[in-house]
Amino acid sequence: MKAYDRDKLVELFGNDPGTIAAVEREFYDTARDVTREIAATDDAATIARSAHRLKGASGMIGAAPLRDLSEAIERAAKAKDMPTVRRLHDRLRGEVLRVADQAGLPSEPL
């Protein structure tokens, strides 16, 4: 399964390679930032907000696995289940790197 649905990006933004590349880069930057935000805090409300933001962005570009993980992290954070948040966060990092790989973006350690 692909990390995201590139055809969805084309449908939303047109088939201009420069535009698609910019959207992919912006999405990856957001996903990377959210992943780091979640790692940097134990505040459940902050984690839930960050995960919610990534859930929406992931849904927009058709990144179903990332969207599902973000939603699970959001639910766990709202339940203040930090062991589950941390376990899922490890998987989230891997999924963000899959997005970068599919988009051909240089990935950074998360």
N, C-alpha and C. Protein backbone atom coordinates (compact mmCIF):
# COMPACT_ATOMS: atom_id res chain seq x y z
N MET A 1 0.83 -1.19 0.00
CA MET A 1 0.00 0.00 0.00
C MET A 1 0.88 1.25 0.00
N LYS A 2 0.51 2.21 -0.82
CA LYS A 2 1.26 3.45 -0.89
C LYS A 2 0.99 4.30 0.35
N ALA A 3 1.94 5.19 0.64
CA ALA A 3 1.82 6.06 1.81
C ALA A 3 0.71 7.09 1.62
N TYR A 4 0.50 7.54 0.38
CA TYR A 4 -0.57 8.49 0.08
C TYR A 4 -0.98 8.34 -1.37
N ASP A 5 -2.11 8.94 -1.69
CA ASP A 5 -2.69 8.82 -3.03
C ASP A 5 -2.33 10.06 -3.86
N ARG A 6 -1.28 9.94 -4.66
CA ARG A 6 -0.82 11.08 -5.47
C ARG A 6 -1.91 11.54 -6.45
N ASP A 7 -2.74 10.62 -6.91
CA ASP A 7 -3.83 10.99 -7.82
C ASP A 7 -4.79 11.97 -7.15
N LYS A 8 -4.95 11.84 -5.84
CA LYS A 8 -5.82 12.77 -5.11
C LYS A 8 -5.23 14.18 -5.16
N LEU A 9 -3.93 14.29 -5.06
CA LEU A 9 -3.28 15.60 -5.17
C LEU A 9 -3.51 16.20 -6.56
N VAL A 10 -3.36 15.38 -7.59
CA VAL A 10 -3.59 15.84 -8.96
C VAL A 10 -5.04 16.30 -9.11
N GLU A 11 -5.96 15.55 -8.54
CA GLU A 11 -7.38 15.91 -8.61
C GLU A 11 -7.64 17.25 -7.92
N LEU A 12 -6.99 17.48 -6.79
CA LEU A 12 -7.21 18.71 -6.03
C LEU A 12 -6.46 19.91 -6.59
N PHE A 13 -5.23 19.70 -7.07
CA PHE A 13 -4.35 20.82 -7.41
C PHE A 13 -3.96 20.90 -8.88
N GLY A 14 -4.41 19.95 -9.69
CA GLY A 14 -4.03 19.94 -11.09
C GLY A 14 -2.77 19.12 -11.28
N ASN A 15 -2.39 18.95 -12.54
CA ASN A 15 -1.28 18.07 -12.86
C ASN A 15 0.03 18.82 -13.10
N ASP A 16 0.19 19.96 -12.44
CA ASP A 16 1.43 20.72 -12.57
C ASP A 16 2.47 20.14 -11.61
N PRO A 17 3.56 19.60 -12.14
CA PRO A 17 4.56 18.96 -11.27
C PRO A 17 5.11 19.90 -10.18
N GLY A 18 5.28 21.18 -10.50
CA GLY A 18 5.79 22.12 -9.50
C GLY A 18 4.82 22.32 -8.35
N THR A 19 3.54 22.41 -8.68
CA THR A 19 2.52 22.57 -7.65
C THR A 19 2.43 21.32 -6.78
N ILE A 20 2.41 20.16 -7.43
CA ILE A 20 2.34 18.90 -6.69
C ILE A 20 3.54 18.76 -5.77
N ALA A 21 4.73 19.08 -6.26
CA ALA A 21 5.94 18.99 -5.44
C ALA A 21 5.86 19.94 -4.25
N ALA A 22 5.33 21.13 -4.45
CA ALA A 22 5.19 22.10 -3.36
C ALA A 22 4.21 21.59 -2.30
N VAL A 23 3.10 21.01 -2.74
CA VAL A 23 2.11 20.47 -1.80
C VAL A 23 2.71 19.30 -1.02
N GLU A 24 3.43 18.42 -1.72
CA GLU A 24 4.06 17.29 -1.04
C GLU A 24 5.07 17.79 0.00
N ARG A 25 5.84 18.79 -0.34
CA ARG A 25 6.85 19.33 0.58
C ARG A 25 6.16 19.96 1.79
N GLU A 26 5.12 20.73 1.53
CA GLU A 26 4.39 21.38 2.63
C GLU A 26 3.77 20.34 3.56
N PHE A 27 3.18 19.29 2.96
CA PHE A 27 2.59 18.24 3.78
C PHE A 27 3.66 17.56 4.62
N TYR A 28 4.79 17.21 4.01
CA TYR A 28 5.86 16.55 4.76
C TYR A 28 6.35 17.44 5.88
N ASP A 29 6.52 18.73 5.63
CA ASP A 29 6.96 19.66 6.68
C ASP A 29 5.98 19.66 7.84
N THR A 30 4.69 19.67 7.53
CA THR A 30 3.66 19.64 8.58
C THR A 30 3.74 18.34 9.36
N ALA A 31 3.82 17.22 8.65
CA ALA A 31 3.87 15.91 9.30
C ALA A 31 5.12 15.78 10.17
N ARG A 32 6.24 16.25 9.68
CA ARG A 32 7.49 16.22 10.45
C ARG A 32 7.36 17.06 11.71
N ASP A 33 6.80 18.27 11.56
CA ASP A 33 6.65 19.16 12.71
C ASP A 33 5.72 18.56 13.76
N VAL A 34 4.61 17.99 13.31
CA VAL A 34 3.67 17.37 14.25
C VAL A 34 4.33 16.20 14.97
N THR A 35 5.07 15.39 14.24
CA THR A 35 5.75 14.24 14.85
C THR A 35 6.71 14.71 15.94
N ARG A 36 7.41 15.78 15.67
CA ARG A 36 8.34 16.33 16.66
C ARG A 36 7.60 16.95 17.84
N GLU A 37 6.48 17.64 17.57
CA GLU A 37 5.68 18.23 18.65
C GLU A 37 5.20 17.15 19.61
N ILE A 38 4.72 16.05 19.07
CA ILE A 38 4.21 14.96 19.90
C ILE A 38 5.34 14.37 20.75
N ALA A 39 6.53 14.23 20.16
CA ALA A 39 7.67 13.67 20.89
C ALA A 39 8.14 14.59 22.01
N ALA A 40 7.93 15.89 21.84
CA ALA A 40 8.51 16.87 22.76
C ALA A 40 7.66 17.16 23.99
N THR A 41 6.48 16.57 24.10
CA THR A 41 5.62 16.92 25.23
C THR A 41 4.91 15.70 25.79
N ASP A 42 4.50 15.85 27.03
CA ASP A 42 3.63 14.86 27.67
C ASP A 42 2.25 15.47 27.92
N ASP A 43 2.02 16.66 27.39
CA ASP A 43 0.73 17.32 27.57
C ASP A 43 -0.29 16.70 26.60
N ALA A 44 -1.26 16.01 27.15
CA ALA A 44 -2.23 15.27 26.33
C ALA A 44 -3.03 16.19 25.42
N ALA A 45 -3.39 17.38 25.89
CA ALA A 45 -4.18 18.30 25.07
C ALA A 45 -3.38 18.78 23.86
N THR A 46 -2.11 19.07 24.07
CA THR A 46 -1.25 19.50 22.96
C THR A 46 -1.09 18.37 21.95
N ILE A 47 -0.89 17.16 22.44
CA ILE A 47 -0.74 16.01 21.56
C ILE A 47 -2.03 15.79 20.75
N ALA A 48 -3.17 15.88 21.42
CA ALA A 48 -4.45 15.68 20.72
C ALA A 48 -4.63 16.72 19.62
N ARG A 49 -4.30 17.98 19.90
CA ARG A 49 -4.43 19.04 18.88
C ARG A 49 -3.49 18.80 17.71
N SER A 50 -2.26 18.42 18.00
CA SER A 50 -1.29 18.16 16.94
C SER A 50 -1.72 16.99 16.08
N ALA A 51 -2.16 15.92 16.73
CA ALA A 51 -2.60 14.74 15.98
C ALA A 51 -3.83 15.06 15.14
N HIS A 52 -4.72 15.89 15.67
CA HIS A 52 -5.91 16.28 14.92
C HIS A 52 -5.53 17.04 13.65
N ARG A 53 -4.56 17.93 13.79
CA ARG A 53 -4.09 18.71 12.63
C ARG A 53 -3.53 17.79 11.55
N LEU A 54 -2.75 16.80 11.97
CA LEU A 54 -2.16 15.87 11.00
C LEU A 54 -3.22 14.95 10.42
N LYS A 55 -4.20 14.59 11.20
CA LYS A 55 -5.31 13.76 10.70
C LYS A 55 -6.00 14.46 9.54
N GLY A 56 -6.30 15.74 9.68
CA GLY A 56 -6.95 16.49 8.61
C GLY A 56 -6.10 16.61 7.37
N ALA A 57 -4.83 16.95 7.56
CA ALA A 57 -3.92 17.11 6.42
C ALA A 57 -3.73 15.78 5.70
N SER A 58 -3.63 14.70 6.47
CA SER A 58 -3.45 13.37 5.87
C SER A 58 -4.67 12.96 5.06
N GLY A 59 -5.84 13.25 5.59
CA GLY A 59 -7.06 12.93 4.86
C GLY A 59 -7.15 13.68 3.55
N MET A 60 -6.68 14.92 3.56
CA MET A 60 -6.75 15.75 2.35
C MET A 60 -5.94 15.16 1.21
N ILE A 61 -4.78 14.58 1.51
CA ILE A 61 -3.94 14.06 0.43
C ILE A 61 -4.09 12.56 0.23
N GLY A 62 -5.00 11.96 0.95
CA GLY A 62 -5.22 10.53 0.76
C GLY A 62 -4.17 9.65 1.41
N ALA A 63 -3.59 10.12 2.51
CA ALA A 63 -2.61 9.32 3.26
C ALA A 63 -3.36 8.56 4.35
N ALA A 64 -4.09 7.53 3.94
CA ALA A 64 -4.98 6.80 4.86
C ALA A 64 -4.24 6.18 6.05
N PRO A 65 -3.10 5.51 5.87
CA PRO A 65 -2.43 4.95 7.04
C PRO A 65 -2.02 6.02 8.06
N LEU A 66 -1.52 7.15 7.56
CA LEU A 66 -1.11 8.24 8.44
C LEU A 66 -2.32 8.88 9.11
N ARG A 67 -3.40 9.02 8.37
CA ARG A 67 -4.63 9.56 8.93
C ARG A 67 -5.13 8.67 10.06
N ASP A 68 -5.14 7.37 9.84
CA ASP A 68 -5.62 6.43 10.86
C ASP A 68 -4.75 6.47 12.11
N LEU A 69 -3.44 6.52 11.94
CA LEU A 69 -2.54 6.62 13.09
C LEU A 69 -2.75 7.93 13.85
N SER A 70 -2.91 9.02 13.11
CA SER A 70 -3.14 10.32 13.74
C SER A 70 -4.43 10.30 14.56
N GLU A 71 -5.46 9.69 13.99
CA GLU A 71 -6.74 9.60 14.70
C GLU A 71 -6.59 8.76 15.97
N ALA A 72 -5.86 7.65 15.89
CA ALA A 72 -5.65 6.79 17.06
C ALA A 72 -4.85 7.52 18.14
N ILE A 73 -3.86 8.30 17.74
CA ILE A 73 -3.09 9.09 18.71
C ILE A 73 -3.97 10.15 19.34
N GLU A 74 -4.78 10.81 18.54
CA GLU A 74 -5.69 11.82 19.07
C GLU A 74 -6.62 11.21 20.13
N ARG A 75 -7.21 10.05 19.81
CA ARG A 75 -8.11 9.38 20.76
C ARG A 75 -7.37 8.99 22.04
N ALA A 76 -6.17 8.43 21.89
CA ALA A 76 -5.39 8.02 23.06
C ALA A 76 -5.02 9.23 23.92
N ALA A 77 -4.64 10.33 23.28
CA ALA A 77 -4.29 11.53 24.03
C ALA A 77 -5.50 12.08 24.78
N LYS A 78 -6.65 12.09 24.13
CA LYS A 78 -7.86 12.57 24.81
C LYS A 78 -8.21 11.69 26.00
N ALA A 79 -7.87 10.40 25.93
CA ALA A 79 -8.10 9.47 27.03
C ALA A 79 -6.94 9.50 28.05
N LYS A 80 -5.94 10.34 27.77
CA LYS A 80 -4.74 10.45 28.60
C LYS A 80 -4.00 9.11 28.74
N ASP A 81 -4.04 8.35 27.68
CA ASP A 81 -3.37 7.04 27.62
C ASP A 81 -1.99 7.24 26.98
N MET A 82 -1.04 7.72 27.77
CA MET A 82 0.27 8.06 27.23
C MET A 82 1.08 6.85 26.76
N PRO A 83 0.96 5.68 27.38
CA PRO A 83 1.68 4.53 26.82
C PRO A 83 1.24 4.22 25.38
N THR A 84 -0.05 4.34 25.11
CA THR A 84 -0.53 4.11 23.74
C THR A 84 -0.06 5.22 22.82
N VAL A 85 -0.10 6.46 23.28
CA VAL A 85 0.40 7.58 22.47
C VAL A 85 1.84 7.31 22.06
N ARG A 86 2.67 6.92 22.99
CA ARG A 86 4.10 6.70 22.69
C ARG A 86 4.30 5.51 21.75
N ARG A 87 3.53 4.46 21.96
CA ARG A 87 3.65 3.29 21.09
C ARG A 87 3.25 3.65 19.66
N LEU A 88 2.15 4.37 19.52
CA LEU A 88 1.68 4.77 18.19
C LEU A 88 2.60 5.82 17.56
N HIS A 89 3.20 6.65 18.40
CA HIS A 89 4.11 7.66 17.88
C HIS A 89 5.28 7.02 17.14
N ASP A 90 5.77 5.90 17.64
CA ASP A 90 6.85 5.19 16.95
C ASP A 90 6.41 4.79 15.54
N ARG A 91 5.20 4.30 15.41
CA ARG A 91 4.67 3.93 14.10
C ARG A 91 4.44 5.18 13.24
N LEU A 92 4.01 6.26 13.86
CA LEU A 92 3.78 7.51 13.13
C LEU A 92 5.05 7.99 12.45
N ARG A 93 6.15 7.94 13.16
CA ARG A 93 7.43 8.37 12.57
C ARG A 93 7.73 7.58 11.30
N GLY A 94 7.55 6.27 11.37
CA GLY A 94 7.81 5.44 10.19
C GLY A 94 6.89 5.78 9.03
N GLU A 95 5.66 6.08 9.33
CA GLU A 95 4.70 6.40 8.27
C GLU A 95 5.02 7.75 7.63
N VAL A 96 5.46 8.71 8.43
CA VAL A 96 5.86 10.02 7.88
C VAL A 96 7.06 9.83 6.95
N LEU A 97 7.98 8.97 7.32
CA LEU A 97 9.14 8.71 6.46
C LEU A 97 8.72 8.00 5.17
N ARG A 98 7.69 7.17 5.23
CA ARG A 98 7.17 6.54 4.01
C ARG A 98 6.61 7.60 3.06
N VAL A 99 5.93 8.61 3.60
CA VAL A 99 5.41 9.70 2.77
C VAL A 99 6.57 10.41 2.08
N ALA A 100 7.60 10.74 2.85
CA ALA A 100 8.77 11.43 2.28
C ALA A 100 9.40 10.59 1.18
N ASP A 101 9.53 9.30 1.42
CA ASP A 101 10.13 8.41 0.43
C ASP A 101 9.30 8.37 -0.85
N GLN A 102 7.99 8.21 -0.69
CA GLN A 102 7.12 8.16 -1.90
C GLN A 102 7.19 9.46 -2.68
N ALA A 103 7.27 10.58 -1.97
CA ALA A 103 7.32 11.89 -2.64
C ALA A 103 8.72 12.21 -3.19
N GLY A 104 9.71 11.37 -2.85
CA GLY A 104 11.06 11.63 -3.31
C GLY A 104 11.73 12.78 -2.57
N LEU A 105 11.30 13.00 -1.33
CA LEU A 105 11.83 14.09 -0.53
C LEU A 105 12.95 13.58 0.37
N PRO A 106 13.96 14.41 0.58
CA PRO A 106 14.98 14.00 1.54
C PRO A 106 14.36 14.03 2.94
N SER A 107 14.43 12.91 3.62
CA SER A 107 13.83 12.86 4.95
C SER A 107 14.89 13.15 6.01
N GLU A 108 14.40 13.64 7.13
CA GLU A 108 15.27 13.99 8.25
C GLU A 108 14.92 13.06 9.41
N PRO A 109 15.85 12.83 10.30
CA PRO A 109 15.52 12.02 11.48
C PRO A 109 14.37 12.66 12.25
N LEU A 110 13.46 11.83 12.70
CA LEU A 110 12.29 12.34 13.42
C LEU A 110 12.37 11.95 14.89
